PDB file of N, CA and C in Angstrom:
ATOM      1  N   MET A   1    -192.808-155.801  71.276  1.00  0.00           N
ATOM      2  CA  MET A   1    -192.765-157.203  71.375  1.00  0.00           C
ATOM      3  C   MET A   1    -194.062-157.826  70.567  1.00  0.00           C
ATOM      4  N   ALA A   2    -193.607-159.017  70.045  1.00  0.00           N
ATOM      5  CA  ALA A   2    -194.552-159.847  68.981  1.00  0.00           C
ATOM      6  C   ALA A   2    -194.299-160.773  69.922  1.00  0.00           C
ATOM      7  N   GLU A   3    -195.847-161.766  69.979  1.00  0.00           N
ATOM      8  CA  GLU A   3    -195.739-162.947  70.167  1.00  0.00           C
ATOM      9  C   GLU A   3    -196.808-164.059  69.245  1.00  0.00           C
ATOM     10  N   LEU A   4    -196.035-165.011  69.357  1.00  0.00           N
ATOM     11  CA  LEU A   4    -196.778-166.029  68.288  1.00  0.00           C
ATOM     12  C   LEU A   4    -197.212-166.867  69.270  1.00  0.00           C
ATOM     13  N   PHE A   5    -198.377-167.840  69.349  1.00  0.00           N
ATOM     14  CA  PHE A   5    -199.054-168.773  70.199  1.00  0.00           C
ATOM     15  C   PHE A   5    -199.485-169.808  69.326  1.00  0.00           C
ATOM     16  N   ASP A   6    -199.213-170.854  69.412  1.00  0.00           N
ATOM     17  CA  ASP A   6    -199.588-172.179  68.736  1.00  0.00           C
ATOM     18  C   ASP A   6    -200.343-172.992  69.422  1.00  0.00           C
ATOM     19  N   PRO A   7    -201.926-172.745  69.105  1.00  0.00           N
ATOM     20  CA  PRO A   7    -202.310-173.874  69.989  1.00  0.00           C
ATOM     21  C   PRO A   7    -202.410-174.882  69.900  1.00  0.00           C
ATOM     22  N   LEU A   8    -201.755-175.596  69.236  1.00  0.00           N
ATOM     23  CA  LEU A   8    -201.803-177.024  68.962  1.00  0.00           C
ATOM     24  C   LEU A   8    -200.515-177.548  70.375  1.00  0.00           C
ATOM     25  N   SER A   9    -199.470-177.006  70.247  1.00  0.00           N
ATOM     26  CA  SER A   9    -198.549-177.099  71.429  1.00  0.00           C
ATOM     27  C   SER A   9    -198.224-176.380  72.582  1.00  0.00           C
ATOM     28  N   GLY A  10    -199.325-175.101  72.402  1.00  0.00           N
ATOM     29  CA  GLY A  10    -198.854-174.259  73.817  1.00  0.00           C
ATOM     30  C   GLY A  10    -197.904-173.478  73.740  1.00  0.00           C
ATOM     31  N   GLU A  11    -196.945-173.756  72.765  1.00  0.00           N
ATOM     32  CA  GLU A  11    -195.684-172.896  72.487  1.00  0.00           C
ATOM     33  C   GLU A  11    -195.967-171.235  72.170  1.00  0.00           C
ATOM     34  N   VAL A  12    -195.285-170.603  73.111  1.00  0.00           N
ATOM     35  CA  VAL A  12    -195.312-169.201  72.670  1.00  0.00           C
ATOM     36  C   VAL A  12    -193.827-168.513  72.337  1.00  0.00           C
ATOM     37  N   ILE A  13    -193.683-167.934  70.892  1.00  0.00           N
ATOM     38  CA  ILE A  13    -192.735-167.702  70.560  1.00  0.00           C
ATOM     39  C   ILE A  13    -192.640-166.150  70.739  1.00  0.00           C
ATOM     40  N   ARG A  14    -191.656-165.373  71.356  1.00  0.00           N
ATOM     41  CA  ARG A  14    -191.525-164.123  71.748  1.00  0.00           C
ATOM     42  C   ARG A  14    -190.475-163.156  71.078  1.00  0.00           C
ATOM     43  N   THR A  15    -190.439-162.157  70.223  1.00  0.00           N
ATOM     44  CA  THR A  15    -189.657-161.649  69.928  1.00  0.00           C
ATOM     45  C   THR A  15    -189.485-159.907  70.187  1.00  0.00           C
ATOM     46  N   ASP A  16    -188.464-159.290  70.244  1.00  0.00           N
ATOM     47  CA  ASP A  16    -188.727-157.945  69.876  1.00  0.00           C
ATOM     48  C   ASP A  16    -188.021-157.015  68.909  1.00  0.00           C
ATOM     49  N   LEU A  17    -189.468-156.756  67.766  1.00  0.00           N
ATOM     50  CA  LEU A  17    -189.269-156.258  66.777  1.00  0.00           C
ATOM     51  C   LEU A  17    -188.195-154.995  66.623  1.00  0.00           C
ATOM     52  N   GLY A  18    -188.509-154.338  67.538  1.00  0.00           N
ATOM     53  CA  GLY A  18    -187.892-152.796  67.587  1.00  0.00           C
ATOM     54  C   GLY A  18    -188.662-151.567  68.107  1.00  0.00           C
ATOM     55  N   ALA A  19    -188.030-150.358  67.971  1.00  0.00           N
ATOM     56  CA  ALA A  19    -188.814-149.539  68.479  1.00  0.00           C
ATOM     57  C   ALA A  19    -189.244-148.452  67.966  1.00  0.00           C
ATOM     58  N   THR A  20    -190.692-148.154  68.139  1.00  0.00           N
ATOM     59  CA  THR A  20    -191.455-147.442  67.245  1.00  0.00           C
ATOM     60  C   THR A  20    -191.558-146.002  67.971  1.00  0.00           C
ATOM     61  N   THR A  21    -191.953-145.025  66.798  1.00  0.00           N
ATOM     62  CA  THR A  21    -192.113-143.338  67.302  1.00  0.00           C
ATOM     63  C   THR A  21    -193.650-143.283  67.167  1.00  0.00           C
ATOM     64  N   GLY A  22    -193.962-142.359  67.741  1.00  0.00           N
ATOM     65  CA  GLY A  22    -195.590-141.818  68.126  1.00  0.00           C
ATOM     66  C   GLY A  22    -196.224-143.344  68.909  1.00  0.00           C
ATOM     67  N   ASP A  23    -197.483-143.363  69.146  1.00  0.00           N
ATOM     68  CA  ASP A  23    -198.230-144.141  69.838  1.00  0.00           C
ATOM     69  C   ASP A  23    -198.782-145.432  68.996  1.00  0.00           C
ATOM     70  N   LEU A  24    -199.471-146.202  69.631  1.00  0.00           N
ATOM     71  CA  LEU A  24    -199.296-147.686  69.184  1.00  0.00           C
ATOM     72  C   LEU A  24    -200.105-147.618  67.802  1.00  0.00           C
ATOM     73  N   ALA A  25    -200.941-146.509  67.415  1.00  0.00           N
ATOM     74  CA  ALA A  25    -201.432-146.870  66.390  1.00  0.00           C
ATOM     75  C   ALA A  25    -200.507-147.081  65.098  1.00  0.00           C
ATOM     76  N   SER A  26    -199.462-146.511  65.316  1.00  0.00           N
ATOM     77  CA  SER A  26    -198.385-146.607  63.897  1.00  0.00           C
ATOM     78  C   SER A  26    -197.823-148.202  63.677  1.00  0.00           C
ATOM     79  N   VAL A  27    -198.179-148.993  64.669  1.00  0.00           N
ATOM     80  CA  VAL A  27    -198.159-150.578  64.607  1.00  0.00           C
ATOM     81  C   VAL A  27    -199.201-151.110  63.877  1.00  0.00           C
ATOM     82  N   HIS A  28    -198.727-151.932  63.035  1.00  0.00           N
ATOM     83  CA  HIS A  28    -199.787-152.807  62.146  1.00  0.00           C
ATOM     84  C   HIS A  28    -199.326-154.065  62.042  1.00  0.00           C
ATOM     85  N   ALA A  29    -200.243-155.072  62.550  1.00  0.00           N
ATOM     86  CA  ALA A  29    -199.930-156.811  62.242  1.00  0.00           C
ATOM     87  C   ALA A  29    -200.748-157.420  61.732  1.00  0.00           C
ATOM     88  N   PHE A  30    -200.106-158.619  61.053  1.00  0.00           N
ATOM     89  CA  PHE A  30    -201.347-159.332  59.820  1.00  0.00           C
ATOM     90  C   PHE A  30    -200.659-160.728  60.363  1.00  0.00           C
ATOM     91  N   ALA A  31    -201.756-161.830  60.138  1.00  0.00           N
ATOM     92  CA  ALA A  31    -201.034-163.341  59.802  1.00  0.00           C
ATOM     93  C   ALA A  31    -200.394-163.129  58.585  1.00  0.00           C
ATOM     94  N   ALA A  32    -199.363-163.876  58.674  1.00  0.00           N
ATOM     95  CA  ALA A  32    -198.482-164.514  57.711  1.00  0.00           C
ATOM     96  C   ALA A  32    -198.879-165.506  57.131  1.00  0.00           C
ATOM     97  N   GLU A  33    -199.106-166.032  55.857  1.00  0.00           N
ATOM     98  CA  GLU A  33    -199.450-167.177  54.938  1.00  0.00           C
ATOM     99  C   GLU A  33    -198.270-168.479  56.030  1.00  0.00           C
ATOM    100  N   ASP A  34    -197.793-168.334  56.176  1.00  0.00           N
ATOM    101  CA  ASP A  34    -196.654-169.533  56.905  1.00  0.00           C
ATOM    102  C   ASP A  34    -197.477-169.632  58.197  1.00  0.00           C
ATOM    103  N   GLY A  35    -198.464-168.698  58.844  1.00  0.00           N
ATOM    104  CA  GLY A  35    -198.807-168.749  60.419  1.00  0.00           C
ATOM    105  C   GLY A  35    -198.148-168.008  60.986  1.00  0.00           C
ATOM    106  N   GLY A  36    -196.913-167.070  60.594  1.00  0.00           N
ATOM    107  CA  GLY A  36    -196.352-166.112  61.179  1.00  0.00           C
ATOM    108  C   GLY A  36    -197.147-164.886  61.157  1.00  0.00           C
ATOM    109  N   LEU A  37    -196.479-163.572  61.707  1.00  0.00           N
ATOM    110  CA  LEU A  37    -196.726-162.857  61.908  1.00  0.00           C
ATOM    111  C   LEU A  37    -196.323-161.351  61.114  1.00  0.00           C
ATOM    112  N   LEU A  38    -196.548-160.726  60.454  1.00  0.00           N
ATOM    113  CA  LEU A  38    -196.090-159.828  59.524  1.00  0.00           C
ATOM    114  C   LEU A  38    -196.330-158.358  60.028  1.00  0.00           C
ATOM    115  N   ALA A  39    -195.445-157.508  60.475  1.00  0.00           N
ATOM    116  CA  ALA A  39    -195.454-156.226  61.289  1.00  0.00           C
ATOM    117  C   ALA A  39    -194.885-155.412  60.561  1.00  0.00           C
ATOM    118  N   SER A  40    -195.335-153.945  60.798  1.00  0.00           N
ATOM    119  CA  SER A  40    -194.919-152.637  60.274  1.00  0.00           C
ATOM    120  C   SER A  40    -195.152-151.627  61.457  1.00  0.00           C
ATOM    121  N   TRP A  41    -194.499-150.745  61.462  1.00  0.00           N
ATOM    122  CA  TRP A  41    -194.142-149.594  62.535  1.00  0.00           C
ATOM    123  C   TRP A  41    -193.207-148.496  62.228  1.00  0.00           C
ATOM    124  N   ARG A  42    -193.431-147.301  62.439  1.00  0.00           N
ATOM    125  CA  ARG A  42    -192.979-146.014  62.269  1.00  0.00           C
ATOM    126  C   ARG A  42    -191.945-145.754  63.142  1.00  0.00           C
ATOM    127  N   THR A  43    -190.868-145.667  62.476  1.00  0.00           N
ATOM    128  CA  THR A  43    -189.378-145.522  63.108  1.00  0.00           C
ATOM    129  C   THR A  43    -188.960-143.803  62.722  1.00  0.00           C
ATOM    130  N   SER A  44    -188.035-143.372  63.323  1.00  0.00           N
ATOM    131  CA  SER A  44    -187.908-141.851  62.961  1.00  0.00           C
ATOM    132  C   SER A  44    -187.225-141.700  61.457  1.00  0.00           C
ATOM    133  N   SER A  45    -187.104-142.867  60.839  1.00  0.00           N
ATOM    134  CA  SER A  45    -186.539-142.950  59.454  1.00  0.00           C
ATOM    135  C   SER A  45    -187.437-143.200  58.277  1.00  0.00           C
ATOM    136  N   GLY A  46    -188.964-143.615  58.899  1.00  0.00           N
ATOM    137  CA  GLY A  46    -190.089-143.995  58.130  1.00  0.00           C
ATOM    138  C   GLY A  46    -190.425-145.374  58.536  1.00  0.00           C
ATOM    139  N   VAL A  47    -191.041-145.988  57.703  1.00  0.00           N
ATOM    140  CA  VAL A  47    -192.088-147.368  58.259  1.00  0.00           C
ATOM    141  C   VAL A  47    -190.910-148.388  57.637  1.00  0.00           C
ATOM    142  N   VAL A  48    -190.946-149.157  58.676  1.00  0.00           N
ATOM    143  CA  VAL A  48    -190.242-150.579  58.334  1.00  0.00           C
ATOM    144  C   VAL A  48    -190.944-151.592  58.711  1.00  0.00           C
ATOM    145  N   ALA A  49    -190.980-152.782  58.085  1.00  0.00           N
ATOM    146  CA  ALA A  49    -191.337-154.527  58.359  1.00  0.00           C
ATOM    147  C   ALA A  49    -191.073-155.437  58.983  1.00  0.00           C
ATOM    148  N   GLU A  50    -191.245-156.382  59.080  1.00  0.00           N
ATOM    149  CA  GLU A  50    -190.226-157.330  59.625  1.00  0.00           C
ATOM    150  C   GLU A  50    -191.623-158.706  59.488  1.00  0.00           C
ATOM    151  N   LEU A  51    -191.040-159.862  58.754  1.00  0.00           N
ATOM    152  CA  LEU A  51    -191.872-160.987  59.350  1.00  0.00           C
ATOM    153  C   LEU A  51    -191.269-162.048  60.634  1.00  0.00           C
ATOM    154  N   LEU A  52    -192.422-162.350  61.348  1.00  0.00           N
ATOM    155  CA  LEU A  52    -191.794-163.451  62.160  1.00  0.00           C
ATOM    156  C   LEU A  52    -192.246-164.774  61.672  1.00  0.00           C
ATOM    157  N   ASP A  53    -191.651-165.706  61.230  1.00  0.00           N
ATOM    158  CA  ASP A  53    -192.280-166.472  60.770  1.00  0.00           C
ATOM    159  C   ASP A  53    -192.983-167.492  62.001  1.00  0.00           C
ATOM    160  N   ALA A  54    -193.645-168.765  61.423  1.00  0.00           N
ATOM    161  CA  ALA A  54    -194.110-169.564  62.320  1.00  0.00           C
ATOM    162  C   ALA A  54    -193.220-170.282  63.109  1.00  0.00           C
ATOM    163  N   HIS A  55    -192.093-170.781  62.821  1.00  0.00           N
ATOM    164  CA  HIS A  55    -190.760-170.915  63.586  1.00  0.00           C
ATOM    165  C   HIS A  55    -190.494-170.318  64.502  1.00  0.00           C
ATOM    166  N   GLY A  56    -190.551-168.782  64.462  1.00  0.00           N
ATOM    167  CA  GLY A  56    -189.863-167.981  65.505  1.00  0.00           C
ATOM    168  C   GLY A  56    -188.699-167.200  64.852  1.00  0.00           C
ATOM    169  N   GLY A  57    -188.448-167.736  63.485  1.00  0.00           N
ATOM    170  CA  GLY A  57    -187.622-167.056  62.364  1.00  0.00           C
ATOM    171  C   GLY A  57    -187.952-165.821  62.290  1.00  0.00           C
ATOM    172  N   LEU A  58    -187.001-164.441  62.069  1.00  0.00           N
ATOM    173  CA  LEU A  58    -187.139-163.143  61.507  1.00  0.00           C
ATOM    174  C   LEU A  58    -186.593-163.068  60.970  1.00  0.00           C
ATOM    175  N   TRP A  59    -187.386-162.546  59.472  1.00  0.00           N
ATOM    176  CA  TRP A  59    -186.753-162.004  58.062  1.00  0.00           C
ATOM    177  C   TRP A  59    -186.012-160.348  58.468  1.00  0.00           C
ATOM    178  N   PRO A  60    -185.399-160.291  57.677  1.00  0.00           N
ATOM    179  CA  PRO A  60    -184.498-158.869  57.609  1.00  0.00           C
ATOM    180  C   PRO A  60    -185.539-157.525  57.796  1.00  0.00           C
ATOM    181  N   LYS A  61    -185.589-156.598  58.344  1.00  0.00           N
ATOM    182  CA  LYS A  61    -186.198-155.556  58.630  1.00  0.00           C
ATOM    183  C   LYS A  61    -186.163-154.845  57.092  1.00  0.00           C
ATOM    184  N   VAL A  62    -187.436-154.499  56.719  1.00  0.00           N
ATOM    185  CA  VAL A  62    -187.141-153.634  55.301  1.00  0.00           C
ATOM    186  C   VAL A  62    -187.981-152.389  55.634  1.00  0.00           C
ATOM    187  N   GLY A  63    -187.867-151.160  54.800  1.00  0.00           N
ATOM    188  CA  GLY A  63    -188.279-150.183  54.172  1.00  0.00           C
ATOM    189  C   GLY A  63    -189.546-150.091  53.467  1.00  0.00           C
ATOM    190  N   LEU A  64    -190.552-149.528  53.897  1.00  0.00           N
ATOM    191  CA  LEU A  64    -191.847-149.697  53.184  1.00  0.00           C
ATOM    192  C   LEU A  64    -192.481-148.149  52.662  1.00  0.00           C
ATOM    193  N   PRO A  65    -192.977-147.797  51.684  1.00  0.00           N
ATOM    194  CA  PRO A  65    -193.141-146.659  51.515  1.00  0.00           C
ATOM    195  C   PRO A  65    -194.399-145.886  52.138  1.00  0.00           C
ATOM    196  N   GLY A  66    -195.125-146.899  52.952  1.00  0.00           N
ATOM    197  CA  GLY A  66    -196.424-146.747  53.929  1.00  0.00           C
ATOM    198  C   GLY A  66    -196.554-147.865  54.810  1.00  0.00           C
ATOM    199  N   GLU A  67    -197.317-147.711  55.329  1.00  0.00           N
ATOM    200  CA  GLU A  67    -197.974-148.540  56.175  1.00  0.00           C
ATOM    201  C   GLU A  67    -198.568-149.924  56.184  1.00  0.00           C
ATOM    202  N   LEU A  68    -198.375-150.762  56.643  1.00  0.00           N
ATOM    203  CA  LEU A  68    -199.560-151.910  55.960  1.00  0.00           C
ATOM    204  C   LEU A  68    -200.508-151.914  56.449  1.00  0.00           C
ATOM    205  N   ALA A  69    -201.975-152.788  55.016  1.00  0.00           N
ATOM    206  CA  ALA A  69    -203.072-152.266  55.426  1.00  0.00           C
ATOM    207  C   ALA A  69    -203.753-153.446  55.485  1.00  0.00           C
ATOM    208  N   GLY A  70    -203.067-154.837  55.253  1.00  0.00           N
ATOM    209  CA  GLY A  70    -203.604-155.946  54.739  1.00  0.00           C
ATOM    210  C   GLY A  70    -202.467-157.282  54.222  1.00  0.00           C
ATOM    211  N   VAL A  71    -203.484-157.823  53.656  1.00  0.00           N
ATOM    212  CA  VAL A  71    -202.689-158.960  52.824  1.00  0.00           C
ATOM    213  C   VAL A  71    -203.466-159.766  51.897  1.00  0.00           C
ATOM    214  N   ASP A  72    -203.295-159.689  50.905  1.00  0.00           N
ATOM    215  CA  ASP A  72    -204.107-159.944  49.614  1.00  0.00           C
ATOM    216  C   ASP A  72    -204.074-161.505  49.561  1.00  0.00           C
ATOM    217  N   ASP A  73    -205.231-161.873  48.574  1.00  0.00           N
ATOM    218  CA  ASP A  73    -205.387-163.446  48.399  1.00  0.00           C
ATOM    219  C   ASP A  73    -204.622-163.961  47.854  1.00  0.00           C
ATOM    220  N   GLN A  74    -203.461-163.419  47.483  1.00  0.00           N
ATOM    221  CA  GLN A  74    -202.049-164.233  47.010  1.00  0.00           C
ATOM    222  C   GLN A  74    -201.074-164.529  48.487  1.00  0.00           C
ATOM    223  N   GLY A  75    -201.108-163.833  49.192  1.00  0.00           N
ATOM    224  CA  GLY A  75    -200.330-163.592  50.365  1.00  0.00           C
ATOM    225  C   GLY A  75    -199.579-162.514  50.229  1.00  0.00           C
ATOM    226  N   ARG A  76    -199.554-161.684  49.589  1.00  0.00           N
ATOM    227  CA  ARG A  76    -198.436-160.230  49.170  1.00  0.00           C
ATOM    228  C   ARG A  76    -199.109-159.338  50.511  1.00  0.00           C
ATOM    229  N   ALA A  77    -198.235-158.638  51.214  1.00  0.00           N
ATOM    230  CA  ALA A  77    -198.482-157.400  51.706  1.00  0.00           C
ATOM    231  C   ALA A  77    -198.860-156.147  51.104  1.00  0.00           C
ATOM    232  N   ILE A  78    -199.689-155.536  51.572  1.00  0.00           N
ATOM    233  CA  ILE A  78    -200.349-154.537  51.160  1.00  0.00           C
ATOM    234  C   ILE A  78    -200.033-153.457  51.853  1.00  0.00           C
ATOM    235  N   SER A  79    -199.157-152.236  51.350  1.00  0.00           N
ATOM    236  CA  SER A  79    -198.764-151.499  51.840  1.00  0.00           C
ATOM    237  C   SER A  79    -199.586-149.983  51.262  1.00  0.00           C
ATOM    238  N   VAL A  80    -200.099-149.124  51.895  1.00  0.00           N
ATOM    239  CA  VAL A  80    -200.428-147.694  51.323  1.00  0.00           C
ATOM    240  C   VAL A  80    -199.735-146.530  51.918  1.00  0.00           C
ATOM    241  N   TYR A  81    -199.858-145.722  50.950  1.00  0.00           N
ATOM    242  CA  TYR A  81    -199.085-144.576  51.242  1.00  0.00           C
ATOM    243  C   TYR A  81    -199.517-143.013  50.457  1.00  0.00           C
ATOM    244  N   GLU A  82    -199.574-141.774  51.030  1.00  0.00           N
ATOM    245  CA  GLU A  82    -199.934-140.902  50.164  1.00  0.00           C
ATOM    246  C   GLU A  82    -198.660-140.371  49.697  1.00  0.00           C
ATOM    247  N   ALA A  83    -198.989-139.706  48.295  1.00  0.00           N
ATOM    248  CA  ALA A  83    -197.887-139.051  47.634  1.00  0.00           C
ATOM    249  C   ALA A  83    -198.698-137.836  46.925  1.00  0.00           C
ATOM    250  N   ASN A  84    -198.064-136.740  47.120  1.00  0.00           N
ATOM    251  CA  ASN A  84    -198.697-135.044  46.265  1.00  0.00           C
ATOM    252  C   ASN A  84    -200.195-135.529  46.332  1.00  0.00           C
ATOM    253  N   GLY A  85    -200.844-135.830  47.547  1.00  0.00           N
ATOM    254  CA  GLY A  85    -202.154-135.933  47.550  1.00  0.00           C
ATOM    255  C   GLY A  85    -202.965-136.861  47.325  1.00  0.00           C
ATOM    256  N   THR A  86    -202.598-138.000  46.727  1.00  0.00           N
ATOM    257  CA  THR A  86    -203.160-139.081  46.257  1.00  0.00           C
ATOM    258  C   THR A  86    -202.971-140.350  46.929  1.00  0.00           C
ATOM    259  N   TRP A  87    -203.625-141.274  47.088  1.00  0.00           N
ATOM    260  CA  TRP A  87    -203.127-142.372  47.957  1.00  0.00           C
ATOM    261  C   TRP A  87    -202.965-143.590  47.146  1.00  0.00           C
ATOM    262  N   HIS A  88    -202.059-144.496  47.566  1.00  0.00           N
ATOM    263  CA  HIS A  88    -201.627-145.269  46.805  1.00  0.00           C
ATOM    264  C   HIS A  88    -201.300-146.983  47.211  1.00  0.00           C
ATOM    265  N   ALA A  89    -201.838-147.601  46.596  1.00  0.00           N
ATOM    266  CA  ALA A  89    -201.322-149.137  47.551  1.00  0.00           C
ATOM    267  C   ALA A  89    -200.525-150.049  46.353  1.00  0.00           C
ATOM    268  N   GLN A  90    -199.625-150.406  47.497  1.00  0.00           N
ATOM    269  CA  GLN A  90    -198.521-151.505  46.498  1.00  0.00           C
ATOM    270  C   GLN A  90    -198.700-152.592  47.075  1.00  0.00           C
ATOM    271  N   ALA A  91    -198.185-153.895  46.832  1.00  0.00           N
ATOM    272  CA  ALA A  91    -197.974-155.340  46.675  1.00  0.00           C
ATOM    273  C   ALA A  91    -196.488-155.465  46.905  1.00  0.00           C
ATOM    274  N   CYS A  92    -196.920-156.017  48.371  1.00  0.00           N
ATOM    275  CA  CYS A  92    -194.798-156.472  48.349  1.00  0.00           C
ATOM    276  C   CYS A  92    -194.862-158.098  48.928  1.00  0.00           C
ATOM    277  N   THR A  93    -194.415-158.781  47.949  1.00  0.00           N
ATOM    278  CA  THR A  93    -194.083-160.049  47.816  1.00  0.00           C
ATOM    279  C   THR A  93    -192.928-160.823  49.031  1.00  0.00           C
ATOM    280  N   LEU A  94    -192.977-161.423  49.754  1.00  0.00           N
ATOM    281  CA  LEU A  94    -191.756-161.655  50.467  1.00  0.00           C
ATOM    282  C   LEU A  94    -190.993-163.265  49.438  1.00  0.00           C
ATOM    283  N   SER A  95    -189.691-163.005  49.414  1.00  0.00           N
ATOM    284  CA  SER A  95    -189.305-163.686  48.838  1.00  0.00           C
ATOM    285  C   SER A  95    -187.877-163.936  49.174  1.00  0.00           C
ATOM    286  N   GLU A  96    -187.468-165.065  49.787  1.00  0.00           N
ATOM    287  CA  GLU A  96    -185.820-165.030  49.951  1.00  0.00           C
ATOM    288  C   GLU A  96    -185.514-164.105  51.265  1.00  0.00           C
ATOM    289  N   GLY A  97    -186.490-163.819  52.174  1.00  0.00           N
ATOM    290  CA  GLY A  97    -185.944-163.154  53.224  1.00  0.00           C
ATOM    291  C   GLY A  97    -186.006-161.610  53.117  1.00  0.00           C
ATOM    292  N   PHE A  98    -186.880-161.300  51.950  1.00  0.00           N
ATOM    293  CA  PHE A  98    -186.592-159.499  51.541  1.00  0.00           C
ATOM    294  C   PHE A  98    -187.967-159.765  50.783  1.00  0.00           C
ATOM    295  N   PHE A  99    -188.725-158.636  51.092  1.00  0.00           N
ATOM    296  CA  PHE A  99    -190.179-157.855  50.434  1.00  0.00           C
ATOM    297  C   PHE A  99    -189.413-157.414  48.959  1.00  0.00           C
ATOM    298  N   LEU A 100    -190.430-157.912  48.067  1.00  0.00           N
ATOM    299  CA  LEU A 100    -189.805-157.050  46.582  1.00  0.00           C
ATOM    300  C   LEU A 100    -191.279-156.451  46.327  1.00  0.00           C
ATOM    301  N   HIS A 101    -190.946-155.215  45.755  1.00  0.00           N
ATOM    302  CA  HIS A 101    -192.124-154.322  45.727  1.00  0.00           C
ATOM    303  C   HIS A 101    -192.241-154.515  44.231  1.00  0.00           C
ATOM    304  N   GLY A 102    -193.625-154.571  43.938  1.00  0.00           N
ATOM    305  CA  GLY A 102    -194.435-154.619  42.590  1.00  0.00           C
ATOM    306  C   GLY A 102    -195.498-154.945  42.310  1.00  0.00           C
TER     307      GLY A 102
END
């Protein structure tokens, strides 16, 4: 369950993002540029992410190569993952409801 609280209006927006596997350590959430919430969590098929925008709208869930680690100064989500013993970081930009990797 994700919640956004608007301190100016007192409004609380709630939504169920989906089931996770493992414990809560696999859930990562960060503030989005528009005042929303960007969250990732581990499912049985890998890591998925979703954006809850500031108005309560949910963007489509997308698969990520790894866990969300933060948001950079350009508003891109940073995903980190290990491949063949080497750690990698990948920036993901939100565009038209989808994450664009690159």
